[in-house]
Amino acid sequence: MKRGNNVGNAIRTTAAAVVEVDVDVVAVLVVVVVVVVVGVVVVVIDVVAVIVVVVEVVEVVALTVSVAIVVAIEVAVVAVVAVVAVVAAVAAAVVVVAVVVSAVGVVVAAVVGGGGVVDAVVIKVVVLQK
């Protein structure tokens, strides 16, 4: 009978050891799952941080490009206004020259005798003297 009792105790001990091993395996699995979940969360946070940085860089680049475009447009407008001002100044100078040339032409015509008024006055003076 002693052998039977010893065998029973051995089985109980083995069963207890198996249960103990099962509990340890479950604890290890829980720890592994927690570590994996925390790792995934950290990776997700890192990915989101990288996305945020990329978005910020894109915003800065877009802002820089838009400012450059606005500055280029403003420079172009200033250049066009400057060209228009130069053309207007040249046109005004041409008009002034034309007016001066016309005035000189009228004076020359009057003095030389090409004008009818001077001829009439000269003729009248000559007739009156005779």
Foldseek 3Di string as FASTA:
>chain_A
DVVVVVVVVVVVVVVVVVVVVVVVVVVVVVVVVVVVVVVVVVVVVVVVVVVVVVVVVVVVVVVVVVVVVVVVVVVVVVVVVVVVVVVVVVVVVVVVVVVVVVVVVVVCCLVVVVDPVNVVVVVVVVVVVD
